[in-house]
């Protein structure tokens, strides 16, 4: 995937996640993810790139829970990722 194509994928993915509702429980889903592009991390090997992406996911997850406790719209907070 090209880095410049990622915003379209993120927006589409976010739309599907925000609209999904469990038919039995009416619960919604939340997803945290981290994205690292090879072109931004040329000095990293694949294992380091995966660990870096994981660290970004955990950062997003932490920010998600902080924003959930504040009552703010969470997805819009990450739309500029």
PDB file of N, CA and C in Angstrom:
ATOM      1  N   UNK A   1       0.828  -1.165   0.000  1.00  0.00           N
ATOM      2  CA  UNK A   1       0.000   0.000   0.000  1.00  0.00           C
ATOM      3  C   UNK A   1       0.881   1.239   0.000  1.00  0.00           C
ATOM      4  N   UNK A   2       0.492   2.213  -0.761  1.00  0.00           N
ATOM      5  CA  UNK A   2       1.200   3.483  -0.781  1.00  0.00           C
ATOM      6  C   UNK A   2       0.756   4.322   0.408  1.00  0.00           C
ATOM      7  N   UNK A   3       1.691   5.043   1.004  1.00  0.00           N
ATOM      8  CA  UNK A   3       1.391   5.868   2.164  1.00  0.00           C
ATOM      9  C   UNK A   3       0.276   6.868   1.861  1.00  0.00           C
ATOM     10  N   UNK A   4       0.273   7.432   0.677  1.00  0.00           N
ATOM     11  CA  UNK A   4      -0.733   8.442   0.327  1.00  0.00           C
ATOM     12  C   UNK A   4      -2.141   7.851   0.174  1.00  0.00           C
ATOM     13  N   UNK A   5      -2.246   6.521   0.031  1.00  0.00           N
ATOM     14  CA  UNK A   5      -3.549   5.869  -0.057  1.00  0.00           C
ATOM     15  C   UNK A   5      -4.142   5.547   1.321  1.00  0.00           C
ATOM     16  N   UNK A   6      -3.323   5.616   2.350  1.00  0.00           N
ATOM     17  CA  UNK A   6      -3.780   5.214   3.680  1.00  0.00           C
ATOM     18  C   UNK A   6      -4.943   6.058   4.219  1.00  0.00           C
ATOM     19  N   UNK A   7      -4.968   7.369   4.056  1.00  0.00           N
ATOM     20  CA  UNK A   7      -6.109   8.132   4.599  1.00  0.00           C
ATOM     21  C   UNK A   7      -7.468   7.649   4.088  1.00  0.00           C
ATOM     22  N   UNK A   8      -7.542   7.210   2.855  1.00  0.00           N
ATOM     23  CA  UNK A   8      -8.804   6.700   2.304  1.00  0.00           C
ATOM     24  C   UNK A   8      -9.172   5.394   2.999  1.00  0.00           C
ATOM     25  N   UNK A   9      -8.207   4.508   3.160  1.00  0.00           N
ATOM     26  CA  UNK A   9      -8.451   3.239   3.856  1.00  0.00           C
ATOM     27  C   UNK A   9      -8.868   3.491   5.294  1.00  0.00           C
ATOM     28  N   UNK A  10      -8.167   4.382   5.995  1.00  0.00           N
ATOM     29  CA  UNK A  10      -8.486   4.693   7.390  1.00  0.00           C
ATOM     30  C   UNK A  10      -9.909   5.234   7.510  1.00  0.00           C
ATOM     31  N   UNK A  11     -10.299   6.121   6.610  1.00  0.00           N
ATOM     32  CA  UNK A  11     -11.637   6.707   6.650  1.00  0.00           C
ATOM     33  C   UNK A  11     -12.713   5.650   6.402  1.00  0.00           C
ATOM     34  N   UNK A  12     -12.488   4.795   5.424  1.00  0.00           N
ATOM     35  CA  UNK A  12     -13.439   3.730   5.110  1.00  0.00           C
ATOM     36  C   UNK A  12     -13.549   2.743   6.267  1.00  0.00           C
ATOM     37  N   UNK A  13     -12.418   2.336   6.796  1.00  0.00           N
ATOM     38  CA  UNK A  13     -12.384   1.419   7.934  1.00  0.00           C
ATOM     39  C   UNK A  13     -13.106   2.036   9.132  1.00  0.00           C
ATOM     40  N   UNK A  14     -12.806   3.290   9.422  1.00  0.00           N
ATOM     41  CA  UNK A  14     -13.439   3.984  10.539  1.00  0.00           C
ATOM     42  C   UNK A  14     -14.945   4.084  10.385  1.00  0.00           C
ATOM     43  N   UNK A  15     -15.391   4.290   9.169  1.00  0.00           N
ATOM     44  CA  UNK A  15     -16.830   4.374   8.903  1.00  0.00           C
ATOM     45  C   UNK A  15     -17.503   3.038   9.222  1.00  0.00           C
ATOM     46  N   UNK A  16     -16.925   1.945   8.743  1.00  0.00           N
ATOM     47  CA  UNK A  16     -17.499   0.625   9.009  1.00  0.00           C
ATOM     48  C   UNK A  16     -17.499   0.301  10.506  1.00  0.00           C
ATOM     49  N   UNK A  17     -16.419   0.611  11.187  1.00  0.00           N
ATOM     50  CA  UNK A  17     -16.332   0.333  12.618  1.00  0.00           C
ATOM     51  C   UNK A  17     -17.360   1.167  13.378  1.00  0.00           C
ATOM     52  N   UNK A  18     -17.470   2.456  13.057  1.00  0.00           N
ATOM     53  CA  UNK A  18     -18.392   3.318  13.801  1.00  0.00           C
ATOM     54  C   UNK A  18     -19.855   2.972  13.545  1.00  0.00           C
ATOM     55  N   UNK A  19     -20.154   2.353  12.412  1.00  0.00           N
ATOM     56  CA  UNK A  19     -21.532   1.991  12.090  1.00  0.00           C
ATOM     57  C   UNK A  19     -21.923   0.589  12.549  1.00  0.00           C
ATOM     58  N   UNK A  20     -20.933  -0.233  12.905  1.00  0.00           N
ATOM     59  CA  UNK A  20     -21.220  -1.616  13.274  1.00  0.00           C
ATOM     60  C   UNK A  20     -21.877  -1.671  14.646  1.00  0.00           C
ATOM     61  N   UNK A  21     -22.936  -2.456  14.745  1.00  0.00           N
ATOM     62  CA  UNK A  21     -23.629  -2.686  16.018  1.00  0.00           C
ATOM     63  C   UNK A  21     -23.948  -4.179  16.109  1.00  0.00           C
ATOM     64  N   UNK A  22     -23.643  -4.776  17.247  1.00  0.00           N
ATOM     65  CA  UNK A  22     -23.965  -6.176  17.484  1.00  0.00           C
ATOM     66  C   UNK A  22     -25.483  -6.319  17.513  1.00  0.00           C
ATOM     67  N   UNK A  23     -26.021  -7.183  16.678  1.00  0.00           N
ATOM     68  CA  UNK A  23     -27.470  -7.328  16.567  1.00  0.00           C
ATOM     69  C   UNK A  23     -28.121  -7.849  17.846  1.00  0.00           C
ATOM     70  N   UNK A  24     -27.403  -8.659  18.614  1.00  0.00           N
ATOM     71  CA  UNK A  24     -27.981  -9.230  19.831  1.00  0.00           C
ATOM     72  C   UNK A  24     -27.903  -8.274  21.029  1.00  0.00           C
ATOM     73  N   UNK A  25     -26.771  -7.605  21.187  1.00  0.00           N
ATOM     74  CA  UNK A  25     -26.560  -6.791  22.388  1.00  0.00           C
ATOM     75  C   UNK A  25     -26.661  -5.296  22.137  1.00  0.00           C
ATOM     76  N   UNK A  26     -26.678  -4.899  20.876  1.00  0.00           N
ATOM     77  CA  UNK A  26     -26.684  -3.477  20.484  1.00  0.00           C
ATOM     78  C   UNK A  26     -25.403  -2.749  20.891  1.00  0.00           C
ATOM     79  N   UNK A  27     -24.360  -3.506  21.194  1.00  0.00           N
ATOM     80  CA  UNK A  27     -23.078  -2.907  21.556  1.00  0.00           C
ATOM     81  C   UNK A  27     -22.322  -2.509  20.287  1.00  0.00           C
ATOM     82  N   UNK A  28     -21.540  -1.451  20.410  1.00  0.00           N
ATOM     83  CA  UNK A  28     -20.694  -1.016  19.307  1.00  0.00           C
ATOM     84  C   UNK A  28     -19.293  -1.583  19.499  1.00  0.00           C
ATOM     85  N   UNK A  29     -18.471  -1.421  18.491  1.00  0.00           N
ATOM     86  CA  UNK A  29     -17.115  -1.943  18.514  1.00  0.00           C
ATOM     87  C   UNK A  29     -16.133  -0.782  18.491  1.00  0.00           C
ATOM     88  N   UNK A  30     -15.014  -0.961  19.147  1.00  0.00           N
ATOM     89  CA  UNK A  30     -13.920   0.002  19.037  1.00  0.00           C
ATOM     90  C   UNK A  30     -12.668  -0.763  18.620  1.00  0.00           C
ATOM     91  N   UNK A  31     -11.815  -0.099  17.877  1.00  0.00           N
ATOM     92  CA  UNK A  31     -10.603  -0.722  17.364  1.00  0.00           C
ATOM     93  C   UNK A  31      -9.453   0.255  17.533  1.00  0.00           C
ATOM     94  N   UNK A  32      -8.340  -0.230  18.027  1.00  0.00           N
ATOM     95  CA  UNK A  32      -7.113   0.560  18.080  1.00  0.00           C
ATOM     96  C   UNK A  32      -6.123  -0.069  17.122  1.00  0.00           C
ATOM     97  N   UNK A  33      -5.414   0.759  16.393  1.00  0.00           N
ATOM     98  CA  UNK A  33      -4.410   0.223  15.475  1.00  0.00           C
ATOM     99  C   UNK A  33      -3.242   1.184  15.388  1.00  0.00           C
ATOM    100  N   UNK A  34      -2.114   0.634  15.019  1.00  0.00           N
ATOM    101  CA  UNK A  34      -0.911   1.425  14.800  1.00  0.00           C
ATOM    102  C   UNK A  34      -0.424   1.163  13.395  1.00  0.00           C
ATOM    103  N   UNK A  35       0.041   2.197  12.755  1.00  0.00           N
ATOM    104  CA  UNK A  35       0.500   2.072  11.372  1.00  0.00           C
ATOM    105  C   UNK A  35       1.890   2.675  11.259  1.00  0.00           C
ATOM    106  N   UNK A  36       2.792   1.918  10.693  1.00  0.00           N
ATOM    107  CA  UNK A  36       4.145   2.402  10.427  1.00  0.00           C
ATOM    108  C   UNK A  36       4.457   2.106   8.962  1.00  0.00           C
ATOM    109  N   UNK A  37       4.984   3.091   8.291  1.00  0.00           N
ATOM    110  CA  UNK A  37       5.331   2.938   6.883  1.00  0.00           C
ATOM    111  C   UNK A  37       6.830   2.762   6.732  1.00  0.00           C
ATOM    112  N   UNK A  38       7.192   1.812   5.925  1.00  0.00           N
ATOM    113  CA  UNK A  38       8.608   1.510   5.688  1.00  0.00           C
ATOM    114  C   UNK A  38       9.374   2.750   5.218  1.00  0.00           C
ATOM    115  N   UNK A  39       8.736   3.574   4.393  1.00  0.00           N
ATOM    116  CA  UNK A  39       9.424   4.756   3.864  1.00  0.00           C
ATOM    117  C   UNK A  39       9.779   5.760   4.960  1.00  0.00           C
ATOM    118  N   UNK A  40       9.091   5.704   6.105  1.00  0.00           N
ATOM    119  CA  UNK A  40       9.390   6.588   7.228  1.00  0.00           C
ATOM    120  C   UNK A  40      10.371   5.971   8.211  1.00  0.00           C
ATOM    121  N   UNK A  41      10.642   4.697   8.069  1.00  0.00           N
ATOM    122  CA  UNK A  41      11.459   3.959   9.034  1.00  0.00           C
ATOM    123  C   UNK A  41      12.495   3.107   8.312  1.00  0.00           C
ATOM    124  N   UNK A  42      13.187   3.686   7.384  1.00  0.00           N
ATOM    125  CA  UNK A  42      14.123   2.925   6.540  1.00  0.00           C
ATOM    126  C   UNK A  42      15.238   2.248   7.334  1.00  0.00           C
ATOM    127  N   UNK A  43      15.556   2.771   8.512  1.00  0.00           N
ATOM    128  CA  UNK A  43      16.643   2.179   9.296  1.00  0.00           C
ATOM    129  C   UNK A  43      16.175   1.004  10.158  1.00  0.00           C
ATOM    130  N   UNK A  44      14.879   0.659  10.099  1.00  0.00           N
ATOM    131  CA  UNK A  44      14.350  -0.440  10.910  1.00  0.00           C
ATOM    132  C   UNK A  44      14.214  -1.709  10.088  1.00  0.00           C
ATOM    133  N   UNK A  45      14.503  -2.848  10.732  1.00  0.00           N
ATOM    134  CA  UNK A  45      14.211  -4.121  10.081  1.00  0.00           C
ATOM    135  C   UNK A  45      12.737  -4.442  10.316  1.00  0.00           C
ATOM    136  N   UNK A  46      12.254  -5.530   9.776  1.00  0.00           N
ATOM    137  CA  UNK A  46      10.826  -5.848   9.845  1.00  0.00           C
ATOM    138  C   UNK A  46      10.349  -6.049  11.285  1.00  0.00           C
ATOM    139  N   UNK A  47      11.177  -6.667  12.123  1.00  0.00           N
ATOM    140  CA  UNK A  47      10.790  -6.870  13.519  1.00  0.00           C
ATOM    141  C   UNK A  47      10.685  -5.540  14.257  1.00  0.00           C
ATOM    142  N   UNK A  48      11.626  -4.646  14.016  1.00  0.00           N
ATOM    143  CA  UNK A  48      11.587  -3.328  14.650  1.00  0.00           C
ATOM    144  C   UNK A  48      10.385  -2.522  14.154  1.00  0.00           C
ATOM    145  N   UNK A  49      10.087  -2.632  12.883  1.00  0.00           N
ATOM    146  CA  UNK A  49       8.943  -1.930  12.305  1.00  0.00           C
ATOM    147  C   UNK A  49       7.629  -2.439  12.928  1.00  0.00           C
ATOM    148  N   UNK A  50       7.532  -3.747  13.124  1.00  0.00           N
ATOM    149  CA  UNK A  50       6.339  -4.324  13.761  1.00  0.00           C
ATOM    150  C   UNK A  50       6.216  -3.856  15.208  1.00  0.00           C
ATOM    151  N   UNK A  51       7.331  -3.827  15.940  1.00  0.00           N
ATOM    152  CA  UNK A  51       7.290  -3.350  17.328  1.00  0.00           C
ATOM    153  C   UNK A  51       6.911  -1.868  17.383  1.00  0.00           C
ATOM    154  N   UNK A  52       7.418  -1.081  16.454  1.00  0.00           N
ATOM    155  CA  UNK A  52       7.085   0.343  16.397  1.00  0.00           C
ATOM    156  C   UNK A  52       5.593   0.519  16.113  1.00  0.00           C
ATOM    157  N   UNK A  53       5.070  -0.236  15.166  1.00  0.00           N
ATOM    158  CA  UNK A  53       3.642  -0.184  14.851  1.00  0.00           C
ATOM    159  C   UNK A  53       2.810  -0.594  16.068  1.00  0.00           C
ATOM    160  N   UNK A  54       3.246  -1.631  16.774  1.00  0.00           N
ATOM    161  CA  UNK A  54       2.558  -2.044  18.004  1.00  0.00           C
ATOM    162  C   UNK A  54       2.561  -0.927  19.040  1.00  0.00           C
ATOM    163  N   UNK A  55       3.692  -0.243  19.176  1.00  0.00           N
ATOM    164  CA  UNK A  55       3.758   0.847  20.164  1.00  0.00           C
ATOM    165  C   UNK A  55       2.788   1.964  19.796  1.00  0.00           C
ATOM    166  N   UNK A  56       2.620   2.221  18.502  1.00  0.00           N
ATOM    167  CA  UNK A  56       1.650   3.228  18.065  1.00  0.00           C
ATOM    168  C   UNK A  56       0.220   2.777  18.360  1.00  0.00           C
ATOM    169  N   UNK A  57      -0.040   1.481  18.233  1.00  0.00           N
ATOM    170  CA  UNK A  57      -1.356   0.953  18.549  1.00  0.00           C
ATOM    171  C   UNK A  57      -1.657   1.115  20.037  1.00  0.00           C
ATOM    172  N   UNK A  58      -0.692   0.800  20.892  1.00  0.00           N
ATOM    173  CA  UNK A  58      -0.914   0.950  22.329  1.00  0.00           C
ATOM    174  C   UNK A  58      -1.071   2.416  22.721  1.00  0.00           C
ATOM    175  N   UNK A  59      -0.364   3.293  22.036  1.00  0.00           N
ATOM    176  CA  UNK A  59      -0.537   4.728  22.272  1.00  0.00           C
ATOM    177  C   UNK A  59      -1.963   5.147  21.895  1.00  0.00           C
ATOM    178  N   UNK A  60      -2.442   4.687  20.745  1.00  0.00           N
ATOM    179  CA  UNK A  60      -3.804   5.012  20.308  1.00  0.00           C
ATOM    180  C   UNK A  60      -4.824   4.457  21.299  1.00  0.00           C
ATOM    181  N   UNK A  61      -4.568   3.269  21.808  1.00  0.00           N
ATOM    182  CA  UNK A  61      -5.490   2.643  22.762  1.00  0.00           C
ATOM    183  C   UNK A  61      -5.548   3.457  24.056  1.00  0.00           C
ATOM    184  N   UNK A  62      -4.407   3.897  24.543  1.00  0.00           N
ATOM    185  CA  UNK A  62      -4.355   4.726  25.749  1.00  0.00           C
ATOM    186  C   UNK A  62      -5.110   6.032  25.535  1.00  0.00           C
ATOM    187  N   UNK A  63      -4.870   6.671  24.391  1.00  0.00           N
ATOM    188  CA  UNK A  63      -5.560   7.923  24.082  1.00  0.00           C
ATOM    189  C   UNK A  63      -7.061   7.704  23.940  1.00  0.00           C
ATOM    190  N   UNK A  64      -7.450   6.572  23.384  1.00  0.00           N
ATOM    191  CA  UNK A  64      -8.866   6.245  23.248  1.00  0.00           C
ATOM    192  C   UNK A  64      -9.534   6.231  24.618  1.00  0.00           C
ATOM    193  N   UNK A  65      -8.940   5.511  25.568  1.00  0.00           N
ATOM    194  CA  UNK A  65      -9.550   5.406  26.894  1.00  0.00           C
ATOM    195  C   UNK A  65      -9.528   6.745  27.626  1.00  0.00           C
ATOM    196  N   UNK A  66      -8.504   7.549  27.408  1.00  0.00           N
ATOM    197  CA  UNK A  66      -8.479   8.880  28.011  1.00  0.00           C
ATOM    198  C   UNK A  66      -9.607   9.738  27.452  1.00  0.00           C
ATOM    199  N   UNK A  67      -9.831   9.662  26.158  1.00  0.00           N
ATOM    200  CA  UNK A  67     -10.891  10.448  25.542  1.00  0.00           C
ATOM    201  C   UNK A  67     -12.276   9.889  25.871  1.00  0.00           C
ATOM    202  N   UNK A  68     -12.382   8.573  26.037  1.00  0.00           N
ATOM    203  CA  UNK A  68     -13.665   7.988  26.429  1.00  0.00           C
ATOM    204  C   UNK A  68     -14.086   8.519  27.797  1.00  0.00           C
ATOM    205  N   UNK A  69     -13.140   8.635  28.704  1.00  0.00           N
ATOM    206  CA  UNK A  69     -13.466   9.116  30.039  1.00  0.00           C
ATOM    207  C   UNK A  69     -13.817  10.600  30.039  1.00  0.00           C
ATOM    208  N   UNK A  70     -13.404  11.328  28.999  1.00  0.00           N
ATOM    209  CA  UNK A  70     -13.726  12.751  28.913  1.00  0.00           C
ATOM    210  C   UNK A  70     -15.049  12.995  28.192  1.00  0.00           C
ATOM    211  N   UNK A  71     -15.597  11.938  27.546  1.00  0.00           N
ATOM    212  CA  UNK A  71     -16.874  12.065  26.850  1.00  0.00           C
ATOM    213  C   UNK A  71     -16.778  12.694  25.475  1.00  0.00           C
ATOM    214  N   UNK A  72     -15.581  12.854  24.959  1.00  0.00           N
ATOM    215  CA  UNK A  72     -15.418  13.455  23.630  1.00  0.00           C
ATOM    216  C   UNK A  72     -15.579  12.424  22.528  1.00  0.00           C
ATOM    217  N   UNK A  73     -15.828  12.898  21.301  1.00  0.00           N
ATOM    218  CA  UNK A  73     -15.928  12.034  20.124  1.00  0.00           C
ATOM    219  C   UNK A  73     -14.540  11.469  19.835  1.00  0.00           C
ATOM    220  N   UNK A  74     -14.389  10.183  20.011  1.00  0.00           N
ATOM    221  CA  UNK A  74     -13.073   9.557  19.933  1.00  0.00           C
ATOM    222  C   UNK A  74     -12.569   9.425  18.510  1.00  0.00           C
ATOM    223  N   UNK A  75     -13.388   8.931  17.584  1.00  0.00           N
ATOM    224  CA  UNK A  75     -12.873   8.683  16.236  1.00  0.00           C
ATOM    225  C   UNK A  75     -12.377   9.957  15.587  1.00  0.00           C
ATOM    226  N   UNK A  76     -13.091  11.057  15.770  1.00  0.00           N
ATOM    227  CA  UNK A  76     -12.656  12.288  15.125  1.00  0.00           C
ATOM    228  C   UNK A  76     -11.298  12.737  15.653  1.00  0.00           C
ATOM    229  N   UNK A  77     -10.959  12.355  16.880  1.00  0.00           N
ATOM    230  CA  UNK A  77      -9.666  12.710  17.467  1.00  0.00           C
ATOM    231  C   UNK A  77      -8.525  12.079  16.677  1.00  0.00           C
ATOM    232  N   UNK A  78      -8.770  10.919  16.111  1.00  0.00           N
ATOM    233  CA  UNK A  78      -7.707  10.186  15.428  1.00  0.00           C
ATOM    234  C   UNK A  78      -7.789  10.292  13.907  1.00  0.00           C
ATOM    235  N   UNK A  79      -8.702  11.079  13.404  1.00  0.00           N
ATOM    236  CA  UNK A  79      -8.878  11.139  11.952  1.00  0.00           C
ATOM    237  C   UNK A  79      -7.690  11.765  11.247  1.00  0.00           C
ATOM    238  N   UNK A  80      -6.850  12.508  11.960  1.00  0.00           N
ATOM    239  CA  UNK A  80      -5.676  13.107  11.341  1.00  0.00           C
ATOM    240  C   UNK A  80      -4.447  12.247  11.411  1.00  0.00           C
ATOM    241  N   UNK A  81      -4.597  11.029  11.864  1.00  0.00           N
ATOM    242  CA  UNK A  81      -3.468  10.109  12.050  1.00  0.00           C
ATOM    243  C   UNK A  81      -2.698   9.895  10.798  1.00  0.00           C
TER     244      UNK A  81
END
